[in-house]
Amino acid sequence: MSEVRLTGVSKRYDAVSRPALESLDLTIPSGELAVLVGPSGCGKSTTLRIVAGLEEATTGNVFIGDTNVTNVPPANRDIAMVFQSYALYPHMSVFDNLAFALRIQKCDEKEIRERVQQVARSLSIDDYLERKPKALSGGQRQRVAIGRAVVRNPKVFLFDEPLSNLDAKLRGEMRKEIARIHNSSPETTSLYVTHDQIEAMTLADRIVVLKDGLVQQVGSPIEIYDNPNNRFVAGFFGTPAMNFLSAVTQRRDDTVHASGEGFSLPLSKEVRDCENVTVGIRPESIGLEGSADAPTMRASVHLREVLGAEVLLHVQSAAGELTVRTEAHAPAREGDNLTLYLPTDKLHVFDATSENRL
């Protein structure tokens, strides 16, 4: 088994008032790829380094399978880590970089050659085995770094922002490569750290959202996107970001409405006892057409961004600036006045004080 389990893990640094991690309880089932995501300083890399044994937890325990590895040296944890900076040995060839860990394990030289060549072929770097890292492109170096981890066949893969140094096209290719490697290793658990929500959504079986050392939500990509626990999670995921409207609740007979400048939206009765709310709606959920009974608001277009098959409309309303994502052939242009349709089944409502989902 390669389940990764952290219980009560905290990390405090001297002379820093806020803990880097606080009372983290997290279980990643065997064979899953979990992505730790959040802004800089949220504790995601610290978590990864504690699992790797490169950082010592202030409190708590780390388990891999049934084994408590909290005090086990990194070399004995049966993990493989891929770093943002590649961390290749510059004086060694690609072959020797890939073979290094196997030679440390005193594997048979024939077995080493077979495993290195197999991994090199799978990563399309078999033509570069005699080259030194300086003779490779950034994407090729990252493939070597990943190959060096894969060749060991570990229980756990740890990826620390491995694609952040690559351009957009290479990031897309390497995301597919990492997903393929994970799918071809069903018994290996993977933890992947990134601040990129696209990487998180496309790679993860499970996403762990962190902020200020605390877990905000754990769930599948769809759960995180469709049912965010709080305003932070809702705003962090989605490109462009979710629109937020400040409102107060008003009771009208047997209904509750969230009312603000230029809009009034019917809400479920569960929010009856909350006076100040924030209503969220994603750009793709706002319509330029809708049913006659759908709530609406007026807005004017001040910027139009064409993205190929889609267009982003940045509009100004009485409630503030909003973003609308629609089809590129939509006729709206700068200066046009629009009626925006806000379907009630697409609204996300948060307590304005606690920012938790209602």
Protein backbone atom coordinates (compact mmCIF):
# COMPACT_ATOMS: atom_id res chain seq x y z
CA MET A 1 0.00 0.00 0.00
CA SER A 2 1.13 3.56 -0.72
CA GLU A 3 -1.54 5.58 1.10
CA VAL A 4 -0.17 8.87 2.46
CA ARG A 5 -1.63 10.02 5.77
CA LEU A 6 -0.81 13.10 7.82
CA THR A 7 -2.26 13.45 11.31
CA GLY A 8 -2.10 16.67 13.31
CA VAL A 9 0.84 17.98 11.30
CA SER A 10 1.93 21.52 12.15
CA LYS A 11 5.02 23.48 11.24
CA ARG A 12 6.27 26.61 12.96
CA TYR A 13 9.40 28.56 12.10
CA ASP A 14 11.30 30.64 14.62
CA ALA A 15 10.48 34.37 14.68
CA VAL A 16 7.39 33.84 12.47
CA SER A 17 4.10 34.56 14.22
CA ARG A 18 1.82 32.51 11.95
CA PRO A 19 2.44 28.76 11.57
CA ALA A 20 3.32 27.57 8.07
CA LEU A 21 0.97 24.63 8.69
CA GLU A 22 -1.57 24.17 11.44
CA SER A 23 -3.11 20.86 12.57
CA LEU A 24 -3.19 19.30 9.10
CA ASP A 25 -5.15 16.04 8.87
CA LEU A 26 -5.06 14.62 5.37
CA THR A 27 -5.38 11.17 3.79
CA ILE A 28 -4.47 10.47 0.15
CA PRO A 29 -5.67 6.95 -0.77
CA SER A 30 -3.27 4.59 -2.47
CA GLY A 31 -3.02 5.19 -6.21
CA GLU A 32 -4.51 8.70 -6.22
CA LEU A 33 -2.97 11.87 -7.58
CA ALA A 34 -3.63 14.68 -5.11
CA VAL A 35 -2.83 18.27 -5.97
CA LEU A 36 -2.00 20.73 -3.18
CA VAL A 37 -2.93 24.17 -4.43
CA GLY A 38 -3.07 27.69 -3.07
CA PRO A 39 -1.32 31.07 -3.16
CA SER A 40 2.33 31.58 -2.25
CA GLY A 41 2.95 31.01 1.45
CA CYS A 42 -0.11 28.83 2.00
CA GLY A 43 1.92 25.79 3.18
CA LYS A 44 1.69 23.51 0.16
CA SER A 45 5.45 23.10 -0.43
CA THR A 46 6.02 22.77 3.31
CA THR A 47 3.55 19.86 3.35
CA LEU A 48 5.37 18.18 0.48
CA ARG A 49 8.76 18.61 2.14
CA ILE A 50 7.44 17.15 5.40
CA VAL A 51 6.18 14.08 3.52
CA ALA A 52 9.58 13.83 1.83
CA GLY A 53 11.42 14.16 5.14
CA LEU A 54 13.22 17.33 4.03
CA GLU A 55 11.40 19.31 6.74
CA GLU A 56 10.72 18.17 10.29
CA ALA A 57 7.15 18.66 11.49
CA THR A 58 6.74 20.63 14.71
CA THR A 59 3.87 18.34 15.70
CA GLY A 60 2.07 15.38 14.16
CA ASN A 61 2.91 12.22 12.25
CA VAL A 62 3.37 11.11 8.64
CA PHE A 63 2.41 7.63 7.47
CA ILE A 64 3.16 5.93 4.15
CA GLY A 65 1.06 2.82 3.98
CA ASP A 66 0.98 1.40 7.50
CA THR A 67 4.44 2.72 8.39
CA ASN A 68 5.00 5.79 10.52
CA VAL A 69 7.82 7.54 8.66
CA THR A 70 7.89 10.71 10.78
CA ASN A 71 11.42 10.01 11.99
CA VAL A 72 12.58 7.95 9.01
CA PRO A 73 15.38 9.51 6.86
CA PRO A 74 14.28 10.66 3.37
CA ALA A 75 16.39 7.98 1.65
CA ASN A 76 14.45 5.24 3.44
CA ARG A 77 10.91 6.48 2.73
CA ASP A 78 10.64 4.96 -0.78
CA ILE A 79 9.67 8.26 -2.39
CA ALA A 80 10.84 10.09 -5.49
CA MET A 81 10.69 13.86 -5.82
CA VAL A 82 10.67 16.13 -8.89
CA PHE A 83 11.74 19.71 -8.24
CA GLN A 84 10.91 22.99 -9.96
CA SER A 85 14.60 23.57 -10.75
CA TYR A 86 15.19 20.10 -12.36
CA ALA A 87 18.10 19.43 -9.92
CA LEU A 88 20.06 17.36 -12.46
CA TYR A 89 23.76 16.54 -12.05
CA PRO A 90 25.39 18.80 -14.66
CA HIS A 91 28.56 16.69 -15.04
CA MET A 92 26.62 13.48 -15.75
CA SER A 93 25.00 12.33 -18.97
CA VAL A 94 21.24 11.86 -19.17
CA PHE A 95 21.78 8.10 -18.84
CA ASP A 96 23.85 8.52 -15.68
CA ASN A 97 21.33 10.97 -14.20
CA LEU A 98 18.58 8.42 -14.73
CA ALA A 99 20.67 5.55 -13.44
CA PHE A 100 22.08 7.30 -10.38
CA ALA A 101 19.44 6.22 -7.84
CA LEU A 102 19.49 2.63 -9.11
CA ARG A 103 23.26 2.47 -8.70
CA ILE A 104 22.94 3.78 -5.15
CA GLN A 105 20.52 0.88 -4.56
CA LYS A 106 23.23 -1.44 -6.02
CA CYS A 107 20.96 -2.79 -8.74
CA ASP A 108 22.43 -5.07 -11.38
CA GLU A 109 23.94 -3.09 -14.27
CA LYS A 110 21.90 -5.01 -16.85
CA GLU A 111 18.69 -4.24 -14.97
CA ILE A 112 19.72 -0.58 -14.71
CA ARG A 113 20.27 -0.32 -18.46
CA GLU A 114 16.92 -1.98 -19.23
CA ARG A 115 14.96 0.23 -16.83
CA VAL A 116 16.67 3.43 -17.95
CA GLN A 117 16.08 2.70 -21.63
CA GLN A 118 12.44 1.77 -20.98
CA VAL A 119 11.77 5.01 -19.10
CA ALA A 120 13.71 7.08 -21.64
CA ARG A 121 11.61 5.65 -24.49
CA SER A 122 8.38 6.36 -22.63
CA LEU A 123 9.44 10.00 -22.16
CA SER A 124 10.87 10.41 -25.68
CA ILE A 125 14.36 11.21 -24.40
CA ASP A 126 16.05 7.99 -25.59
CA ASP A 127 17.89 9.95 -28.30
CA TYR A 128 19.55 12.15 -25.67
CA LEU A 129 20.99 9.58 -23.26
CA GLU A 130 24.59 10.57 -23.99
CA ARG A 131 24.03 14.31 -23.71
CA LYS A 132 24.77 16.47 -20.69
CA PRO A 133 21.90 18.53 -19.20
CA LYS A 134 23.31 21.80 -20.59
CA ALA A 135 22.74 20.46 -24.12
CA LEU A 136 19.00 19.97 -23.48
CA SER A 137 16.03 22.32 -23.70
CA GLY A 138 13.96 23.14 -20.61
CA GLY A 139 11.28 20.64 -21.55
CA GLN A 140 13.83 17.89 -22.14
CA ARG A 141 15.49 18.59 -18.79
CA GLN A 142 12.14 18.33 -17.05
CA ARG A 143 11.51 15.00 -18.77
CA VAL A 144 14.86 13.77 -17.45
CA ALA A 145 13.95 14.95 -13.95
CA ILE A 146 10.63 13.10 -14.15
CA GLY A 147 12.34 10.04 -15.62
CA ARG A 148 14.82 9.98 -12.75
CA ALA A 149 11.85 9.70 -10.37
CA VAL A 150 9.91 7.17 -12.45
CA VAL A 151 12.85 4.79 -12.95
CA ARG A 152 12.97 4.11 -9.20
CA ASN A 153 9.38 2.76 -9.15
CA PRO A 154 8.71 4.33 -5.72
CA LYS A 155 5.65 4.08 -3.50
CA VAL A 156 5.08 7.85 -3.66
CA PHE A 157 5.81 10.52 -6.28
CA LEU A 158 6.24 14.09 -5.03
CA PHE A 159 6.09 16.93 -7.57
CA ASP A 160 7.06 20.43 -6.39
CA GLU A 161 5.83 22.89 -9.05
CA PRO A 162 7.68 20.96 -11.78
CA LEU A 163 6.23 22.92 -14.73
CA SER A 164 6.50 26.51 -13.54
CA ASN A 165 9.74 27.15 -15.49
CA LEU A 166 8.25 26.01 -18.82
CA ASP A 167 6.37 27.99 -21.44
CA ALA A 168 2.63 27.49 -21.93
CA LYS A 169 2.90 24.93 -24.75
CA LEU A 170 5.45 22.80 -22.90
CA ARG A 171 3.38 22.97 -19.72
CA GLY A 172 0.44 21.51 -21.62
CA GLU A 173 2.57 18.68 -23.03
CA MET A 174 4.16 17.90 -19.66
CA ARG A 175 0.77 17.88 -17.90
CA LYS A 176 -0.31 15.12 -20.26
CA GLU A 177 2.98 13.28 -19.66
CA ILE A 178 2.57 13.40 -15.87
CA ALA A 179 -1.04 12.23 -16.15
CA ARG A 180 0.05 9.34 -18.39
CA ILE A 181 2.80 8.32 -15.95
CA HIS A 182 0.37 8.40 -13.05
CA ASN A 183 -2.24 6.35 -14.92
CA SER A 184 0.40 3.76 -15.83
CA SER A 185 1.42 3.38 -12.16
CA PRO A 186 -1.86 2.45 -10.43
CA GLU A 187 -0.17 1.42 -7.18
CA THR A 188 1.81 4.65 -6.78
CA THR A 189 0.40 7.64 -4.92
CA SER A 190 1.30 11.11 -6.20
CA LEU A 191 1.33 14.48 -4.44
CA TYR A 192 1.64 17.47 -6.74
CA VAL A 193 2.18 21.06 -5.58
CA THR A 194 1.19 24.00 -7.76
CA HIS A 195 -0.30 27.48 -7.60
CA ASP A 196 -1.76 26.97 -11.09
CA GLN A 197 -5.46 26.14 -10.95
CA ILE A 198 -5.42 24.71 -14.49
CA GLU A 199 -2.79 22.14 -13.50
CA ALA A 200 -4.84 21.31 -10.41
CA MET A 201 -8.10 20.86 -12.32
CA THR A 202 -6.64 18.82 -15.19
CA LEU A 203 -4.36 16.51 -13.19
CA ALA A 204 -6.02 15.83 -9.86
CA ASP A 205 -8.09 12.95 -8.62
CA ARG A 206 -8.34 15.01 -5.43
CA ILE A 207 -7.59 18.69 -4.82
CA VAL A 208 -6.45 20.05 -1.46
CA VAL A 209 -6.93 23.82 -1.24
CA LEU A 210 -4.72 25.58 1.33
CA LYS A 211 -4.66 29.13 2.64
CA ASP A 212 -2.49 30.49 5.47
CA GLY A 213 -1.51 26.97 6.54
CA LEU A 214 -5.10 25.75 6.84
CA VAL A 215 -7.06 23.39 4.59
CA GLN A 216 -10.00 25.21 3.02
CA GLN A 217 -11.48 22.28 1.08
CA VAL A 218 -10.68 18.78 -0.13
CA GLY A 219 -12.58 17.29 -3.05
CA SER A 220 -12.63 16.29 -6.69
CA PRO A 221 -12.07 19.02 -9.30
CA ILE A 222 -15.81 19.13 -10.08
CA GLU A 223 -16.75 19.36 -6.38
CA ILE A 224 -14.28 22.19 -5.85
CA TYR A 225 -15.54 24.09 -8.89
CA ASP A 226 -19.28 23.55 -8.47
CA ASN A 227 -19.55 23.59 -4.67
CA PRO A 228 -16.78 25.75 -3.16
CA ASN A 229 -16.77 25.81 0.65
CA ASN A 230 -16.08 29.51 0.91
CA ARG A 231 -15.46 32.67 -1.03
CA PHE A 232 -11.70 32.10 -1.17
CA VAL A 233 -12.07 28.72 -2.91
CA ALA A 234 -14.76 30.11 -5.21
CA GLY A 235 -12.55 33.00 -6.27
CA PHE A 236 -9.37 30.96 -6.61
CA PHE A 237 -10.78 28.49 -9.15
CA GLY A 238 -12.09 29.61 -12.49
CA THR A 239 -10.63 31.62 -15.37
CA PRO A 240 -11.74 34.35 -15.40
CA ALA A 241 -12.59 34.49 -11.71
CA MET A 242 -16.09 34.30 -10.26
CA ASN A 243 -18.05 37.56 -10.07
CA PHE A 244 -19.07 38.68 -6.57
CA LEU A 245 -22.00 40.95 -5.67
CA SER A 246 -22.50 42.48 -2.23
CA ALA A 247 -26.11 42.25 -1.05
CA VAL A 248 -28.47 42.32 1.89
CA THR A 249 -31.27 39.82 2.38
CA GLN A 250 -34.87 40.99 2.24
CA ARG A 251 -37.94 38.99 3.18
CA ARG A 252 -40.89 39.21 0.86
CA ASP A 253 -43.82 37.11 2.04
CA ASP A 254 -42.46 33.55 1.92
CA THR A 255 -39.35 34.31 -0.15
CA VAL A 256 -35.88 35.72 0.54
CA HIS A 257 -34.13 38.01 -1.90
CA ALA A 258 -30.52 39.18 -2.07
CA SER A 259 -30.75 42.83 -3.05
CA GLY A 260 -28.02 45.22 -4.08
CA GLU A 261 -27.41 48.09 -6.46
CA GLY A 262 -29.32 47.27 -9.63
CA PHE A 263 -30.35 43.68 -8.81
CA SER A 264 -32.65 41.53 -6.69
CA LEU A 265 -32.11 37.77 -6.69
CA PRO A 266 -34.44 35.18 -5.12
CA LEU A 267 -32.60 32.84 -2.74
CA SER A 268 -33.35 29.61 -0.91
CA LYS A 269 -34.79 29.82 2.61
CA GLU A 270 -31.56 28.48 4.14
CA VAL A 271 -30.09 32.01 4.09
CA ARG A 272 -33.06 33.58 5.89
CA ASP A 273 -31.08 34.29 9.08
CA CYS A 274 -28.09 35.91 7.35
CA GLU A 275 -28.48 39.65 6.81
CA ASN A 276 -25.39 40.49 4.72
CA VAL A 277 -24.37 38.12 1.94
CA THR A 278 -22.06 37.92 -1.05
CA VAL A 279 -23.57 36.41 -4.19
CA GLY A 280 -21.18 34.72 -6.62
CA ILE A 281 -21.81 33.83 -10.24
CA ARG A 282 -19.31 32.51 -12.75
CA PRO A 283 -18.74 34.45 -16.01
CA GLU A 284 -20.01 31.56 -18.13
CA SER A 285 -23.25 31.39 -16.12
CA ILE A 286 -24.32 34.95 -16.97
CA GLY A 287 -26.50 34.98 -20.08
CA LEU A 288 -27.15 37.63 -22.69
CA GLU A 289 -30.50 35.93 -23.28
CA GLY A 290 -32.77 34.14 -20.85
CA SER A 291 -36.26 33.19 -19.78
CA ALA A 292 -38.78 35.91 -18.97
CA ASP A 293 -38.85 35.00 -15.26
CA ALA A 294 -35.04 35.04 -14.79
CA PRO A 295 -33.67 37.92 -12.69
CA THR A 296 -31.78 40.52 -14.70
CA MET A 297 -29.51 43.52 -14.32
CA ARG A 298 -28.39 46.25 -16.68
CA ALA A 299 -24.78 46.79 -17.72
CA SER A 300 -22.66 48.43 -20.41
CA VAL A 301 -19.66 46.89 -22.21
CA HIS A 302 -16.36 48.70 -21.71
CA LEU A 303 -13.94 46.01 -22.97
CA ARG A 304 -14.25 43.03 -25.31
CA GLU A 305 -11.55 40.31 -25.36
CA VAL A 306 -11.71 37.73 -28.15
CA LEU A 307 -10.33 34.30 -27.19
CA GLY A 308 -11.05 32.42 -30.40
CA ALA A 309 -14.28 30.48 -29.94
CA GLU A 310 -15.19 32.59 -26.91
CA VAL A 311 -15.22 36.23 -25.93
CA LEU A 312 -14.89 37.92 -22.56
CA LEU A 313 -17.08 40.95 -22.01
CA HIS A 314 -15.99 43.26 -19.19
CA VAL A 315 -19.10 45.18 -18.27
CA GLN A 316 -19.94 47.96 -15.84
CA SER A 317 -23.13 47.73 -13.79
CA ALA A 318 -24.60 49.59 -10.84
CA ALA A 319 -23.24 46.78 -8.65
CA GLY A 320 -19.71 47.16 -10.05
CA GLU A 321 -17.60 45.57 -12.76
CA LEU A 322 -18.51 42.06 -13.96
CA THR A 323 -17.04 39.62 -16.48
CA VAL A 324 -19.21 37.66 -18.91
CA ARG A 325 -17.92 34.74 -20.96
CA THR A 326 -19.91 33.98 -24.08
CA GLU A 327 -19.57 32.80 -27.67
CA ALA A 328 -17.29 34.82 -29.93
CA HIS A 329 -20.09 35.63 -32.40
CA ALA A 330 -22.06 37.46 -29.68
CA PRO A 331 -22.85 40.89 -31.18
CA ALA A 332 -22.04 42.94 -28.05
CA ARG A 333 -19.38 45.59 -28.61
CA GLU A 334 -17.72 48.30 -26.52
CA GLY A 335 -20.27 50.91 -25.46
CA ASP A 336 -23.30 48.65 -25.91
CA ASN A 337 -25.94 48.51 -23.18
CA LEU A 338 -26.93 44.97 -22.21
CA THR A 339 -29.45 43.09 -20.13
CA LEU A 340 -27.68 40.34 -18.17
CA TYR A 341 -29.64 37.25 -17.13
CA LEU A 342 -28.61 35.67 -13.79
CA PRO A 343 -30.02 32.12 -13.50
CA THR A 344 -30.84 31.40 -9.85
CA ASP A 345 -29.65 27.79 -10.06
CA LYS A 346 -26.12 29.03 -10.87
CA LEU A 347 -25.76 31.37 -7.88
CA HIS A 348 -23.32 30.78 -5.01
CA VAL A 349 -24.19 32.54 -1.74
CA PHE A 350 -21.68 33.28 1.02
CA ASP A 351 -21.97 34.85 4.46
CA ALA A 352 -20.44 38.31 4.05
CA THR A 353 -18.77 38.10 7.47
CA SER A 354 -17.41 34.54 7.70
CA GLU A 355 -17.21 34.14 3.87
CA ASN A 356 -18.46 30.56 4.27
CA ARG A 357 -20.92 29.09 1.82
CA LEU A 358 -24.57 29.23 2.86
